[in-house]
Amino acid sequence: MPPECSVYTGELHAIAEAIKLSTNLNAKDSVIFTDSLSSSQSIKQPYPKHPILKNIKTQLYEMRLQGKNIELVWIPSHIGIPGNEEADVAAKEASADPSAKIISKIPYTDMKPVIKTYIRNIWHDRWHKNQNNKLLQINPNLNPVQYMGMCRRYQVILTRLRTGHTKLTHQHLLQRDVARKCETCQTNLDVNHILLDCPSYQRQRRASGLPGDLREILTPQNIDRLVTFLKCINILCDI
């Protein structure tokens, strides 16, 4: 099978081939044994999406119309059942056989994760090559921020600080005014300067236990320390 195919697809394909073999043998009653619990359970689905699963259900329906019956039996794997182990050996030998039949059509359900991975790799490459990407320092791996259990207000604060766009540092754009400067350092006020660089807030950073790395500061795990620090320097309401 193509490497893009999932194990689940392979198991369904094996069941479909077994049903086809039973049809060709013109057997009235057949039993198919499988160690794939997910495959055997999925056949009970009334409206399956997987194309091979749809084909299996169609095959079973047509065989019932012909008065034939196929029973699907699940057997636990890797517990020393001789027939099961012989089937595993036969499957491995068949996969190594260059003349073995190869599935040419890959189900769309198996291609979705392949496409997602491909798109994400392109996104990751562009994310790192963009020289004007201010968020690269905060999120180099494109992992989504998990806000589980965090109140809405804290989510807003953390998101604004992570993007670098806060009321304190960017309000001048809406007011068509000059950028605000740090009263101590006389440099443009930005998130990095407030959280790490300005010497005026050094004591408050230590008191609140703020980490020394910007990426670590702006994580949900440190939201309480971050809010404590912002309260200490009286700018929480300006974020």
C-alpha atoms as a PDB file:
ATOM      1  CA  MET A   1       0.000   0.000   0.000  1.00  0.00           C
ATOM      2  CA  PRO A   2       1.162   3.579  -0.569  1.00  0.00           C
ATOM      3  CA  PRO A   3       2.799   5.133   2.504  1.00  0.00           C
ATOM      4  CA  GLU A   4       0.044   7.772   2.590  1.00  0.00           C
ATOM      5  CA  CYS A   5      -2.542   5.111   3.461  1.00  0.00           C
ATOM      6  CA  SER A   6      -3.401   4.644   7.113  1.00  0.00           C
ATOM      7  CA  VAL A   7      -3.366   1.323   8.967  1.00  0.00           C
ATOM      8  CA  TYR A   8      -7.144   1.643   9.235  1.00  0.00           C
ATOM      9  CA  THR A   9      -7.429   1.828   5.445  1.00  0.00           C
ATOM     10  CA  GLY A  10      -5.207  -1.229   5.119  1.00  0.00           C
ATOM     11  CA  GLU A  11      -7.403  -3.222   7.489  1.00  0.00           C
ATOM     12  CA  LEU A  12     -10.565  -2.221   5.609  1.00  0.00           C
ATOM     13  CA  HIS A  13      -8.936  -3.124   2.314  1.00  0.00           C
ATOM     14  CA  ALA A  14      -8.092  -6.580   3.683  1.00  0.00           C
ATOM     15  CA  ILE A  15     -11.724  -7.124   4.756  1.00  0.00           C
ATOM     16  CA  ALA A  16     -12.958  -5.957   1.338  1.00  0.00           C
ATOM     17  CA  GLU A  17     -10.602  -8.410  -0.383  1.00  0.00           C
ATOM     18  CA  ALA A  18     -11.789 -11.235   1.885  1.00  0.00           C
ATOM     19  CA  ILE A  19     -15.413 -10.465   0.982  1.00  0.00           C
ATOM     20  CA  LYS A  20     -14.488 -10.467  -2.707  1.00  0.00           C
ATOM     21  CA  LEU A  21     -12.768 -13.834  -2.291  1.00  0.00           C
ATOM     22  CA  SER A  22     -15.869 -15.259  -0.616  1.00  0.00           C
ATOM     23  CA  THR A  23     -17.980 -14.000  -3.516  1.00  0.00           C
ATOM     24  CA  ASN A  24     -15.669 -15.594  -6.090  1.00  0.00           C
ATOM     25  CA  LEU A  25     -15.766 -18.907  -4.230  1.00  0.00           C
ATOM     26  CA  ASN A  26     -19.559 -18.737  -4.315  1.00  0.00           C
ATOM     27  CA  ALA A  27     -19.698 -19.668  -0.628  1.00  0.00           C
ATOM     28  CA  LYS A  28     -23.111 -19.421   0.992  1.00  0.00           C
ATOM     29  CA  ASP A  29     -21.816 -18.892   4.532  1.00  0.00           C
ATOM     30  CA  SER A  30     -18.445 -17.346   5.320  1.00  0.00           C
ATOM     31  CA  VAL A  31     -16.598 -16.094   8.390  1.00  0.00           C
ATOM     32  CA  ILE A  32     -13.947 -13.393   8.223  1.00  0.00           C
ATOM     33  CA  PHE A  33     -11.615 -13.043  11.196  1.00  0.00           C
ATOM     34  CA  THR A  34      -9.875  -9.732  11.851  1.00  0.00           C
ATOM     35  CA  ASP A  35      -7.776  -8.369  14.691  1.00  0.00           C
ATOM     36  CA  SER A  36      -8.765  -4.796  13.813  1.00  0.00           C
ATOM     37  CA  LEU A  37     -11.395  -3.753  16.340  1.00  0.00           C
ATOM     38  CA  SER A  38     -11.828  -0.299  14.774  1.00  0.00           C
ATOM     39  CA  SER A  39     -12.571  -1.797  11.355  1.00  0.00           C
ATOM     40  CA  SER A  40     -15.056  -4.331  12.657  1.00  0.00           C
ATOM     41  CA  GLN A  41     -16.870  -1.669  14.687  1.00  0.00           C
ATOM     42  CA  SER A  42     -16.937   0.861  11.847  1.00  0.00           C
ATOM     43  CA  ILE A  43     -18.934  -1.499   9.627  1.00  0.00           C
ATOM     44  CA  LYS A  44     -21.888  -0.875  11.952  1.00  0.00           C
ATOM     45  CA  GLN A  45     -21.903   2.811  10.983  1.00  0.00           C
ATOM     46  CA  PRO A  46     -25.134   3.666   9.099  1.00  0.00           C
ATOM     47  CA  TYR A  47     -23.580   6.442   6.999  1.00  0.00           C
ATOM     48  CA  PRO A  48     -19.836   5.841   6.624  1.00  0.00           C
ATOM     49  CA  LYS A  49     -17.572   8.373   4.926  1.00  0.00           C
ATOM     50  CA  HIS A  50     -14.611   6.151   4.139  1.00  0.00           C
ATOM     51  CA  PRO A  51     -14.913   4.966   0.486  1.00  0.00           C
ATOM     52  CA  ILE A  52     -13.645   1.431   1.187  1.00  0.00           C
ATOM     53  CA  LEU A  53     -16.058   1.122   4.104  1.00  0.00           C
ATOM     54  CA  LYS A  54     -18.914   2.187   1.819  1.00  0.00           C
ATOM     55  CA  ASN A  55     -17.835  -0.476  -0.647  1.00  0.00           C
ATOM     56  CA  ILE A  56     -17.795  -3.140   2.087  1.00  0.00           C
ATOM     57  CA  LYS A  57     -21.323  -2.293   3.194  1.00  0.00           C
ATOM     58  CA  THR A  58     -22.502  -2.400  -0.414  1.00  0.00           C
ATOM     59  CA  GLN A  59     -20.873  -5.805  -0.925  1.00  0.00           C
ATOM     60  CA  LEU A  60     -22.480  -7.191   2.243  1.00  0.00           C
ATOM     61  CA  TYR A  61     -25.890  -5.862   1.214  1.00  0.00           C
ATOM     62  CA  GLU A  62     -25.665  -7.412  -2.256  1.00  0.00           C
ATOM     63  CA  MET A  63     -24.625 -10.766  -0.788  1.00  0.00           C
ATOM     64  CA  ARG A  64     -27.618 -10.769   1.549  1.00  0.00           C
ATOM     65  CA  LEU A  65     -29.878 -10.211  -1.466  1.00  0.00           C
ATOM     66  CA  GLN A  66     -28.337 -13.354  -2.983  1.00  0.00           C
ATOM     67  CA  GLY A  67     -29.067 -15.347   0.169  1.00  0.00           C
ATOM     68  CA  LYS A  68     -25.430 -15.434   1.247  1.00  0.00           C
ATOM     69  CA  ASN A  69     -24.186 -14.602   4.716  1.00  0.00           C
ATOM     70  CA  ILE A  70     -20.835 -13.300   5.941  1.00  0.00           C
ATOM     71  CA  GLU A  71     -19.967 -13.053   9.622  1.00  0.00           C
ATOM     72  CA  LEU A  72     -17.208 -10.710  10.738  1.00  0.00           C
ATOM     73  CA  VAL A  73     -15.451 -11.865  13.914  1.00  0.00           C
ATOM     74  CA  TRP A  74     -12.933  -9.845  15.879  1.00  0.00           C
ATOM     75  CA  ILE A  75     -10.033 -11.725  17.480  1.00  0.00           C
ATOM     76  CA  PRO A  76      -7.541 -10.128  19.905  1.00  0.00           C
ATOM     77  CA  SER A  77      -4.120  -9.674  18.348  1.00  0.00           C
ATOM     78  CA  HIS A  78      -0.741 -10.775  19.682  1.00  0.00           C
ATOM     79  CA  ILE A  79      -2.027 -13.378  22.139  1.00  0.00           C
ATOM     80  CA  GLY A  80      -0.651 -16.495  20.511  1.00  0.00           C
ATOM     81  CA  ILE A  81      -3.564 -17.525  18.283  1.00  0.00           C
ATOM     82  CA  PRO A  82      -1.894 -19.721  15.608  1.00  0.00           C
ATOM     83  CA  GLY A  83      -4.188 -18.690  12.759  1.00  0.00           C
ATOM     84  CA  ASN A  84      -3.767 -15.015  13.548  1.00  0.00           C
ATOM     85  CA  GLU A  85       0.010 -15.296  13.694  1.00  0.00           C
ATOM     86  CA  GLU A  86       0.061 -17.180  10.388  1.00  0.00           C
ATOM     87  CA  ALA A  87      -2.027 -14.408   8.823  1.00  0.00           C
ATOM     88  CA  ASP A  88       0.438 -11.795  10.113  1.00  0.00           C
ATOM     89  CA  VAL A  89       3.363 -13.718   8.584  1.00  0.00           C
ATOM     90  CA  ALA A  90       1.508 -14.045   5.275  1.00  0.00           C
ATOM     91  CA  ALA A  91       0.719 -10.314   5.260  1.00  0.00           C
ATOM     92  CA  LYS A  92       4.377  -9.410   5.830  1.00  0.00           C
ATOM     93  CA  GLU A  93       5.485 -11.737   3.041  1.00  0.00           C
ATOM     94  CA  ALA A  94       2.909 -10.260   0.680  1.00  0.00           C
ATOM     95  CA  SER A  95       4.010  -6.702   1.462  1.00  0.00           C
ATOM     96  CA  ALA A  96       7.583  -7.637   0.547  1.00  0.00           C
ATOM     97  CA  ASP A  97       6.522  -9.313  -2.709  1.00  0.00           C
ATOM     98  CA  PRO A  98       7.256  -6.940  -5.650  1.00  0.00           C
ATOM     99  CA  SER A  99       4.448  -8.545  -7.662  1.00  0.00           C
ATOM    100  CA  ALA A 100       1.859  -7.891  -4.937  1.00  0.00           C
ATOM    101  CA  LYS A 101      -1.188  -5.852  -5.885  1.00  0.00           C
ATOM    102  CA  ILE A 102      -0.829  -2.196  -4.920  1.00  0.00           C
ATOM    103  CA  ILE A 103      -3.723   0.121  -4.212  1.00  0.00           C
ATOM    104  CA  SER A 104      -3.535   2.846  -6.829  1.00  0.00           C
ATOM    105  CA  LYS A 105      -6.285   5.039  -5.400  1.00  0.00           C
ATOM    106  CA  ILE A 106      -5.700   6.601  -1.997  1.00  0.00           C
ATOM    107  CA  PRO A 107      -8.889   7.440  -0.067  1.00  0.00           C
ATOM    108  CA  TYR A 108      -9.429  11.165   0.422  1.00  0.00           C
ATOM    109  CA  THR A 109      -9.715  10.539   4.170  1.00  0.00           C
ATOM    110  CA  ASP A 110      -6.037   9.502   4.166  1.00  0.00           C
ATOM    111  CA  MET A 111      -4.939  12.407   1.982  1.00  0.00           C
ATOM    112  CA  LYS A 112      -6.349  15.083   4.307  1.00  0.00           C
ATOM    113  CA  PRO A 113      -3.562  14.743   6.939  1.00  0.00           C
ATOM    114  CA  VAL A 114      -0.964  14.583   4.146  1.00  0.00           C
ATOM    115  CA  ILE A 115      -2.261  17.840   2.662  1.00  0.00           C
ATOM    116  CA  LYS A 116      -2.437  19.478   6.097  1.00  0.00           C
ATOM    117  CA  THR A 117       1.178  18.513   6.784  1.00  0.00           C
ATOM    118  CA  TYR A 118       2.265  19.828   3.382  1.00  0.00           C
ATOM    119  CA  ILE A 119       0.513  23.172   3.907  1.00  0.00           C
ATOM    120  CA  ARG A 120       1.847  23.501   7.454  1.00  0.00           C
ATOM    121  CA  ASN A 121       5.425  22.884   6.236  1.00  0.00           C
ATOM    122  CA  ILE A 122       5.059  25.666   3.652  1.00  0.00           C
ATOM    123  CA  TRP A 123       3.594  27.955   6.306  1.00  0.00           C
ATOM    124  CA  HIS A 124       6.433  27.098   8.711  1.00  0.00           C
ATOM    125  CA  ASP A 125       9.042  27.829   6.036  1.00  0.00           C
ATOM    126  CA  ARG A 126       7.521  31.214   5.154  1.00  0.00           C
ATOM    127  CA  TRP A 127       7.037  32.024   8.843  1.00  0.00           C
ATOM    128  CA  HIS A 128      10.781  31.684   9.469  1.00  0.00           C
ATOM    129  CA  LYS A 129      11.916  33.397   6.272  1.00  0.00           C
ATOM    130  CA  ASN A 130       9.808  36.536   6.797  1.00  0.00           C
ATOM    131  CA  GLN A 131      12.292  39.108   8.085  1.00  0.00           C
ATOM    132  CA  ASN A 132       9.509  41.406   9.323  1.00  0.00           C
ATOM    133  CA  ASN A 133       7.820  38.704  11.387  1.00  0.00           C
ATOM    134  CA  LYS A 134       7.602  40.194  14.872  1.00  0.00           C
ATOM    135  CA  LEU A 135       5.794  37.122  16.202  1.00  0.00           C
ATOM    136  CA  LEU A 136       8.606  34.701  15.363  1.00  0.00           C
ATOM    137  CA  GLN A 137      10.300  35.347  18.700  1.00  0.00           C
ATOM    138  CA  ILE A 138       7.069  34.562  20.548  1.00  0.00           C
ATOM    139  CA  ASN A 139       5.879  31.555  18.548  1.00  0.00           C
ATOM    140  CA  PRO A 140       8.603  29.973  16.379  1.00  0.00           C
ATOM    141  CA  ASN A 141       6.778  26.644  15.966  1.00  0.00           C
ATOM    142  CA  LEU A 142       3.292  27.931  15.045  1.00  0.00           C
ATOM    143  CA  ASN A 143       1.778  26.065  17.968  1.00  0.00           C
ATOM    144  CA  PRO A 144      -1.650  27.423  18.979  1.00  0.00           C
ATOM    145  CA  VAL A 145      -1.942  29.024  22.405  1.00  0.00           C
ATOM    146  CA  GLN A 146      -3.981  26.936  24.844  1.00  0.00           C
ATOM    147  CA  TYR A 147      -6.228  29.234  26.889  1.00  0.00           C
ATOM    148  CA  MET A 148      -7.987  26.442  28.798  1.00  0.00           C
ATOM    149  CA  GLY A 149      -9.324  27.656  32.149  1.00  0.00           C
ATOM    150  CA  MET A 150      -8.250  31.269  31.563  1.00  0.00           C
ATOM    151  CA  CYS A 151     -10.815  34.056  31.942  1.00  0.00           C
ATOM    152  CA  ARG A 152     -11.710  36.166  28.926  1.00  0.00           C
ATOM    153  CA  ARG A 153     -10.015  39.298  30.279  1.00  0.00           C
ATOM    154  CA  TYR A 154      -6.686  37.502  30.742  1.00  0.00           C
ATOM    155  CA  GLN A 155      -6.956  35.976  27.276  1.00  0.00           C
ATOM    156  CA  VAL A 156      -7.299  39.455  25.780  1.00  0.00           C
ATOM    157  CA  ILE A 157      -4.333  40.758  27.773  1.00  0.00           C
ATOM    158  CA  LEU A 158      -2.092  37.855  26.776  1.00  0.00           C
ATOM    159  CA  THR A 159      -3.089  38.025  23.096  1.00  0.00           C
ATOM    160  CA  ARG A 160      -2.445  41.768  22.892  1.00  0.00           C
ATOM    161  CA  LEU A 161       0.953  41.408  24.511  1.00  0.00           C
ATOM    162  CA  ARG A 162       1.893  38.493  22.258  1.00  0.00           C
ATOM    163  CA  THR A 163       1.004  40.472  19.129  1.00  0.00           C
ATOM    164  CA  GLY A 164       2.674  43.575  20.542  1.00  0.00           C
ATOM    165  CA  HIS A 165      -0.420  45.707  19.970  1.00  0.00           C
ATOM    166  CA  THR A 166      -1.655  47.298  23.184  1.00  0.00           C
ATOM    167  CA  LYS A 167      -3.487  50.479  24.073  1.00  0.00           C
ATOM    168  CA  LEU A 168      -0.376  51.825  25.776  1.00  0.00           C
ATOM    169  CA  THR A 169       1.984  51.240  22.852  1.00  0.00           C
ATOM    170  CA  HIS A 170      -0.307  51.812  19.862  1.00  0.00           C
ATOM    171  CA  GLN A 171      -2.988  54.296  20.905  1.00  0.00           C
ATOM    172  CA  HIS A 172      -1.051  57.066  19.179  1.00  0.00           C
ATOM    173  CA  LEU A 173      -1.858  55.492  15.798  1.00  0.00           C
ATOM    174  CA  LEU A 174      -5.594  55.995  16.356  1.00  0.00           C
ATOM    175  CA  GLN A 175      -5.055  59.497  17.712  1.00  0.00           C
ATOM    176  CA  ARG A 176      -2.656  60.416  14.889  1.00  0.00           C
ATOM    177  CA  ASP A 177      -0.091  61.406  17.456  1.00  0.00           C
ATOM    178  CA  VAL A 178       3.612  60.697  17.947  1.00  0.00           C
ATOM    179  CA  ALA A 179       4.679  57.390  19.442  1.00  0.00           C
ATOM    180  CA  ARG A 180       4.963  57.303  23.217  1.00  0.00           C
ATOM    181  CA  LYS A 181       8.428  57.102  24.722  1.00  0.00           C
ATOM    182  CA  CYS A 182       9.659  55.597  27.940  1.00  0.00           C
ATOM    183  CA  GLU A 183      10.092  58.420  30.458  1.00  0.00           C
ATOM    184  CA  THR A 184      13.233  56.775  31.854  1.00  0.00           C
ATOM    185  CA  CYS A 185      14.994  55.566  28.723  1.00  0.00           C
ATOM    186  CA  GLN A 186      13.537  57.956  26.122  1.00  0.00           C
ATOM    187  CA  THR A 187      13.067  55.100  23.677  1.00  0.00           C
ATOM    188  CA  ASN A 188       9.878  54.105  21.882  1.00  0.00           C
ATOM    189  CA  LEU A 189       7.586  52.219  24.206  1.00  0.00           C
ATOM    190  CA  ASP A 190       6.947  48.611  23.191  1.00  0.00           C
ATOM    191  CA  VAL A 191       6.068  45.337  24.888  1.00  0.00           C
ATOM    192  CA  ASN A 192       9.642  44.046  24.886  1.00  0.00           C
ATOM    193  CA  HIS A 193      10.911  47.216  26.585  1.00  0.00           C
ATOM    194  CA  ILE A 194       8.219  47.111  29.272  1.00  0.00           C
ATOM    195  CA  LEU A 195       8.563  43.437  30.108  1.00  0.00           C
ATOM    196  CA  LEU A 196      12.341  43.035  29.823  1.00  0.00           C
ATOM    197  CA  ASP A 197      14.463  46.108  29.187  1.00  0.00           C
ATOM    198  CA  CYS A 198      13.332  49.126  31.196  1.00  0.00           C
ATOM    199  CA  PRO A 199      15.468  49.416  34.365  1.00  0.00           C
ATOM    200  CA  SER A 200      12.675  51.274  36.167  1.00  0.00           C
ATOM    201  CA  TYR A 201      10.681  48.047  36.476  1.00  0.00           C
ATOM    202  CA  GLN A 202      13.480  45.742  37.571  1.00  0.00           C
ATOM    203  CA  ARG A 203      12.300  45.544  41.186  1.00  0.00           C
ATOM    204  CA  GLN A 204       8.702  44.760  40.119  1.00  0.00           C
ATOM    205  CA  ARG A 205       9.942  42.006  37.774  1.00  0.00           C
ATOM    206  CA  ARG A 206      11.750  40.296  40.620  1.00  0.00           C
ATOM    207  CA  ALA A 207       8.849  40.755  43.030  1.00  0.00           C
ATOM    208  CA  SER A 208       6.346  39.199  40.609  1.00  0.00           C
ATOM    209  CA  GLY A 209       8.679  36.349  39.621  1.00  0.00           C
ATOM    210  CA  LEU A 210       8.647  37.296  35.948  1.00  0.00           C
ATOM    211  CA  PRO A 211      10.938  35.069  33.799  1.00  0.00           C
ATOM    212  CA  GLY A 212      13.787  36.662  31.879  1.00  0.00           C
ATOM    213  CA  ASP A 213      12.720  35.357  28.472  1.00  0.00           C
ATOM    214  CA  LEU A 214       9.947  37.059  26.472  1.00  0.00           C
ATOM    215  CA  ARG A 215       8.644  33.796  24.985  1.00  0.00           C
ATOM    216  CA  GLU A 216       8.392  32.269  28.457  1.00  0.00           C
ATOM    217  CA  ILE A 217       6.737  35.361  29.910  1.00  0.00           C
ATOM    218  CA  LEU A 218       4.001  35.358  27.281  1.00  0.00           C
ATOM    219  CA  THR A 219       2.721  31.842  27.953  1.00  0.00           C
ATOM    220  CA  PRO A 220      -0.557  30.892  29.653  1.00  0.00           C
ATOM    221  CA  GLN A 221       1.455  29.206  32.404  1.00  0.00           C
ATOM    222  CA  ASN A 222       2.854  32.579  33.518  1.00  0.00           C
ATOM    223  CA  ILE A 223      -0.315  34.664  33.173  1.00  0.00           C
ATOM    224  CA  ASP A 224      -0.673  35.189  36.941  1.00  0.00           C
ATOM    225  CA  ARG A 225       2.910  36.462  37.271  1.00  0.00           C
ATOM    226  CA  LEU A 226       2.433  38.651  34.216  1.00  0.00           C
ATOM    227  CA  VAL A 227      -0.779  40.211  35.537  1.00  0.00           C
ATOM    228  CA  THR A 228       0.847  40.762  38.936  1.00  0.00           C
ATOM    229  CA  PHE A 229       3.703  42.604  37.249  1.00  0.00           C
ATOM    230  CA  LEU A 230       1.361  44.766  35.166  1.00  0.00           C
ATOM    231  CA  LYS A 231      -0.574  45.679  38.301  1.00  0.00           C
ATOM    232  CA  CYS A 232       2.635  46.576  40.131  1.00  0.00           C
ATOM    233  CA  ILE A 233       3.608  49.087  37.449  1.00  0.00           C
ATOM    234  CA  ASN A 234       0.015  50.364  37.086  1.00  0.00           C
ATOM    235  CA  ILE A 235      -0.495  49.651  33.385  1.00  0.00           C
ATOM    236  CA  LEU A 236      -2.873  46.684  33.479  1.00  0.00           C
ATOM    237  CA  CYS A 237      -5.796  48.861  32.367  1.00  0.00           C
ATOM    238  CA  ASP A 238      -3.698  50.258  29.499  1.00  0.00           C
ATOM    239  CA  ILE A 239      -3.208  46.872  27.842  1.00  0.00           C
END
